[in-house]
């Protein structure tokens, strides 16, 4: 339980959450871009 508190309250925890969110958004964007390109080639 202490890990969750540290994750949301400490600076390093908040930076980690920001990086995780950024990677998820970037992966979704790249996936959408790739799927659109595959559809256009058909």
PDB file of N, CA and C in Angstrom:
ATOM      1  N   UNK A   1       0.822  -1.203   0.000  1.00  0.00           N
ATOM      2  CA  UNK A   1       0.000   0.000   0.000  1.00  0.00           C
ATOM      3  C   UNK A   1       0.866   1.268   0.000  1.00  0.00           C
ATOM      4  N   UNK A   2       2.008   1.179   0.638  1.00  0.00           N
ATOM      5  CA  UNK A   2       2.897   2.335   0.670  1.00  0.00           C
ATOM      6  C   UNK A   2       3.406   2.692  -0.721  1.00  0.00           C
ATOM      7  N   UNK A   3       3.525   1.676  -1.576  1.00  0.00           N
ATOM      8  CA  UNK A   3       4.005   1.948  -2.938  1.00  0.00           C
ATOM      9  C   UNK A   3       3.010   2.827  -3.688  1.00  0.00           C
ATOM     10  N   UNK A   4       1.724   2.579  -3.517  1.00  0.00           N
ATOM     11  CA  UNK A   4       0.708   3.411  -4.189  1.00  0.00           C
ATOM     12  C   UNK A   4       0.762   4.846  -3.693  1.00  0.00           C
ATOM     13  N   UNK A   5       0.955   5.021  -2.405  1.00  0.00           N
ATOM     14  CA  UNK A   5       1.041   6.374  -1.824  1.00  0.00           C
ATOM     15  C   UNK A   5       2.267   7.095  -2.382  1.00  0.00           C
ATOM     16  N   UNK A   6       3.393   6.391  -2.433  1.00  0.00           N
ATOM     17  CA  UNK A   6       4.605   6.991  -2.995  1.00  0.00           C
ATOM     18  C   UNK A   6       4.432   7.315  -4.467  1.00  0.00           C
ATOM     19  N   UNK A   7       3.720   6.450  -5.204  1.00  0.00           N
ATOM     20  CA  UNK A   7       3.529   6.665  -6.635  1.00  0.00           C
ATOM     21  C   UNK A   7       2.777   7.966  -6.902  1.00  0.00           C
ATOM     22  N   UNK A   8       1.765   8.261  -6.106  1.00  0.00           N
ATOM     23  CA  UNK A   8       0.938   9.434  -6.373  1.00  0.00           C
ATOM     24  C   UNK A   8       1.368  10.694  -5.634  1.00  0.00           C
ATOM     25  N   UNK A   9       2.303  10.573  -4.706  1.00  0.00           N
ATOM     26  CA  UNK A   9       2.670  11.760  -3.930  1.00  0.00           C
ATOM     27  C   UNK A   9       4.107  12.225  -4.144  1.00  0.00           C
ATOM     28  N   UNK A  10       5.022  11.321  -4.455  1.00  0.00           N
ATOM     29  CA  UNK A  10       6.414  11.746  -4.609  1.00  0.00           C
ATOM     30  C   UNK A  10       6.661  12.247  -6.025  1.00  0.00           C
ATOM     31  N   UNK A  11       7.696  13.045  -6.166  1.00  0.00           N
ATOM     32  CA  UNK A  11       8.038  13.601  -7.474  1.00  0.00           C
ATOM     33  C   UNK A  11       8.424  12.501  -8.459  1.00  0.00           C
ATOM     34  N   UNK A  12       9.234  11.556  -8.016  1.00  0.00           N
ATOM     35  CA  UNK A  12       9.647  10.485  -8.922  1.00  0.00           C
ATOM     36  C   UNK A  12       8.459   9.601  -9.311  1.00  0.00           C
ATOM     37  N   UNK A  13       7.525   9.404  -8.418  1.00  0.00           N
ATOM     38  CA  UNK A  13       6.332   8.630  -8.743  1.00  0.00           C
ATOM     39  C   UNK A  13       5.470   9.337  -9.776  1.00  0.00           C
ATOM     40  N   UNK A  14       5.307  10.640  -9.617  1.00  0.00           N
ATOM     41  CA  UNK A  14       4.510  11.402 -10.579  1.00  0.00           C
ATOM     42  C   UNK A  14       5.188  11.460 -11.942  1.00  0.00           C
ATOM     43  N   UNK A  15       6.509  11.565 -11.948  1.00  0.00           N
ATOM     44  CA  UNK A  15       7.237  11.526 -13.221  1.00  0.00           C
ATOM     45  C   UNK A  15       7.078  10.165 -13.888  1.00  0.00           C
ATOM     46  N   UNK A  16       7.101   9.103 -13.110  1.00  0.00           N
ATOM     47  CA  UNK A  16       6.893   7.762 -13.656  1.00  0.00           C
ATOM     48  C   UNK A  16       5.499   7.632 -14.260  1.00  0.00           C
ATOM     49  N   UNK A  17       4.501   8.147 -13.581  1.00  0.00           N
ATOM     50  CA  UNK A  17       3.136   8.109 -14.123  1.00  0.00           C
ATOM     51  C   UNK A  17       3.044   8.896 -15.426  1.00  0.00           C
ATOM     52  N   UNK A  18       3.714  10.025 -15.468  1.00  0.00           N
ATOM     53  CA  UNK A  18       3.710  10.827 -16.687  1.00  0.00           C
ATOM     54  C   UNK A  18       4.361  10.096 -17.849  1.00  0.00           C
ATOM     55  N   UNK A  19       5.466   9.419 -17.585  1.00  0.00           N
ATOM     56  CA  UNK A  19       6.146   8.678 -18.642  1.00  0.00           C
ATOM     57  C   UNK A  19       5.294   7.503 -19.105  1.00  0.00           C
ATOM     58  N   UNK A  20       4.664   6.795 -18.179  1.00  0.00           N
ATOM     59  CA  UNK A  20       3.792   5.677 -18.548  1.00  0.00           C
ATOM     60  C   UNK A  20       2.640   6.170 -19.405  1.00  0.00           C
ATOM     61  N   UNK A  21       2.027   7.278 -19.032  1.00  0.00           N
ATOM     62  CA  UNK A  21       0.922   7.830 -19.818  1.00  0.00           C
ATOM     63  C   UNK A  21       1.397   8.267 -21.202  1.00  0.00           C
ATOM     64  N   UNK A  22       2.559   8.897 -21.276  1.00  0.00           N
ATOM     65  CA  UNK A  22       3.096   9.337 -22.560  1.00  0.00           C
ATOM     66  C   UNK A  22       3.363   8.155 -23.482  1.00  0.00           C
ATOM     67  N   UNK A  23       3.938   7.085 -22.959  1.00  0.00           N
ATOM     68  CA  UNK A  23       4.231   5.901 -23.773  1.00  0.00           C
ATOM     69  C   UNK A  23       2.937   5.269 -24.274  1.00  0.00           C
ATOM     70  N   UNK A  24       1.910   5.215 -23.437  1.00  0.00           N
ATOM     71  CA  UNK A  24       0.622   4.643 -23.866  1.00  0.00           C
ATOM     72  C   UNK A  24      -0.002   5.480 -24.966  1.00  0.00           C
ATOM     73  N   UNK A  25       0.022   6.796 -24.839  1.00  0.00           N
ATOM     74  CA  UNK A  25      -0.538   7.676 -25.868  1.00  0.00           C
ATOM     75  C   UNK A  25       0.263   7.555 -27.154  1.00  0.00           C
ATOM     76  N   UNK A  26       1.577   7.490 -27.062  1.00  0.00           N
ATOM     77  CA  UNK A  26       2.415   7.367 -28.246  1.00  0.00           C
ATOM     78  C   UNK A  26       2.169   6.027 -28.951  1.00  0.00           C
ATOM     79  N   UNK A  27       2.007   4.949 -28.193  1.00  0.00           N
ATOM     80  CA  UNK A  27       1.735   3.636 -28.784  1.00  0.00           C
ATOM     81  C   UNK A  27       0.389   3.635 -29.492  1.00  0.00           C
ATOM     82  N   UNK A  28      -0.625   4.259 -28.896  1.00  0.00           N
ATOM     83  CA  UNK A  28      -1.938   4.330 -29.535  1.00  0.00           C
ATOM     84  C   UNK A  28      -1.871   5.134 -30.824  1.00  0.00           C
ATOM     85  N   UNK A  29      -1.118   6.216 -30.835  1.00  0.00           N
ATOM     86  CA  UNK A  29      -0.975   7.037 -32.036  1.00  0.00           C
ATOM     87  C   UNK A  29      -0.278   6.268 -33.153  1.00  0.00           C
ATOM     88  N   UNK A  30       0.808   5.574 -32.817  1.00  0.00           N
ATOM     89  CA  UNK A  30       1.551   4.814 -33.827  1.00  0.00           C
ATOM     90  C   UNK A  30       0.688   3.671 -34.362  1.00  0.00           C
ATOM     91  N   UNK A  31      -0.057   3.009 -33.492  1.00  0.00           N
ATOM     92  CA  UNK A  31      -0.944   1.928 -33.926  1.00  0.00           C
ATOM     93  C   UNK A  31      -2.014   2.454 -34.871  1.00  0.00           C
ATOM     94  N   UNK A  32      -2.615   3.588 -34.527  1.00  0.00           N
ATOM     95  CA  UNK A  32      -3.640   4.180 -35.387  1.00  0.00           C
ATOM     96  C   UNK A  32      -3.056   4.584 -36.740  1.00  0.00           C
ATOM     97  N   UNK A  33      -1.864   5.151 -36.724  1.00  0.00           N
ATOM     98  CA  UNK A  33      -1.202   5.553 -37.953  1.00  0.00           C
ATOM     99  C   UNK A  33      -0.885   4.340 -38.825  1.00  0.00           C
ATOM    100  N   UNK A  34      -0.381   3.272 -38.226  1.00  0.00           N
ATOM    101  CA  UNK A  34      -0.052   2.066 -38.976  1.00  0.00           C
ATOM    102  C   UNK A  34      -1.305   1.426 -39.561  1.00  0.00           C
ATOM    103  N   UNK A  35      -2.367   1.346 -38.794  1.00  0.00           N
ATOM    104  CA  UNK A  35      -3.601   0.745 -39.297  1.00  0.00           C
ATOM    105  C   UNK A  35      -4.191   1.563 -40.434  1.00  0.00           C
ATOM    106  N   UNK A  36      -4.105   2.877 -40.344  1.00  0.00           N
ATOM    107  CA  UNK A  36      -4.613   3.725 -41.426  1.00  0.00           C
ATOM    108  C   UNK A  36      -3.797   3.516 -42.703  1.00  0.00           C
ATOM    109  N   UNK A  37      -2.472   3.406 -42.570  1.00  0.00           N
ATOM    110  CA  UNK A  37      -1.617   3.182 -43.738  1.00  0.00           C
ATOM    111  C   UNK A  37      -1.863   1.821 -44.368  1.00  0.00           C
ATOM    112  N   UNK A  38      -2.101   0.807 -43.538  1.00  0.00           N
ATOM    113  CA  UNK A  38      -2.391  -0.525 -44.067  1.00  0.00           C
ATOM    114  C   UNK A  38      -3.709  -0.507 -44.840  1.00  0.00           C
ATOM    115  N   UNK A  39      -4.715   0.183 -44.303  1.00  0.00           N
ATOM    116  CA  UNK A  39      -6.010   0.268 -44.978  1.00  0.00           C
ATOM    117  C   UNK A  39      -5.901   0.999 -46.304  1.00  0.00           C
ATOM    118  N   UNK A  40      -5.067   2.033 -46.377  1.00  0.00           N
ATOM    119  CA  UNK A  40      -4.922   2.812 -47.617  1.00  0.00           C
ATOM    120  C   UNK A  40      -4.204   2.024 -48.700  1.00  0.00           C
ATOM    121  N   UNK A  41      -3.322   1.094 -48.319  1.00  0.00           N
ATOM    122  CA  UNK A  41      -2.575   0.334 -49.309  1.00  0.00           C
ATOM    123  C   UNK A  41      -3.424  -0.729 -49.989  1.00  0.00           C
ATOM    124  N   UNK A  42      -4.501  -1.155 -49.374  1.00  0.00           N
ATOM    125  CA  UNK A  42      -5.330  -2.209 -49.961  1.00  0.00           C
ATOM    126  C   UNK A  42      -6.132  -1.704 -51.105  1.00  0.00           C
TER     127      UNK A  42
END
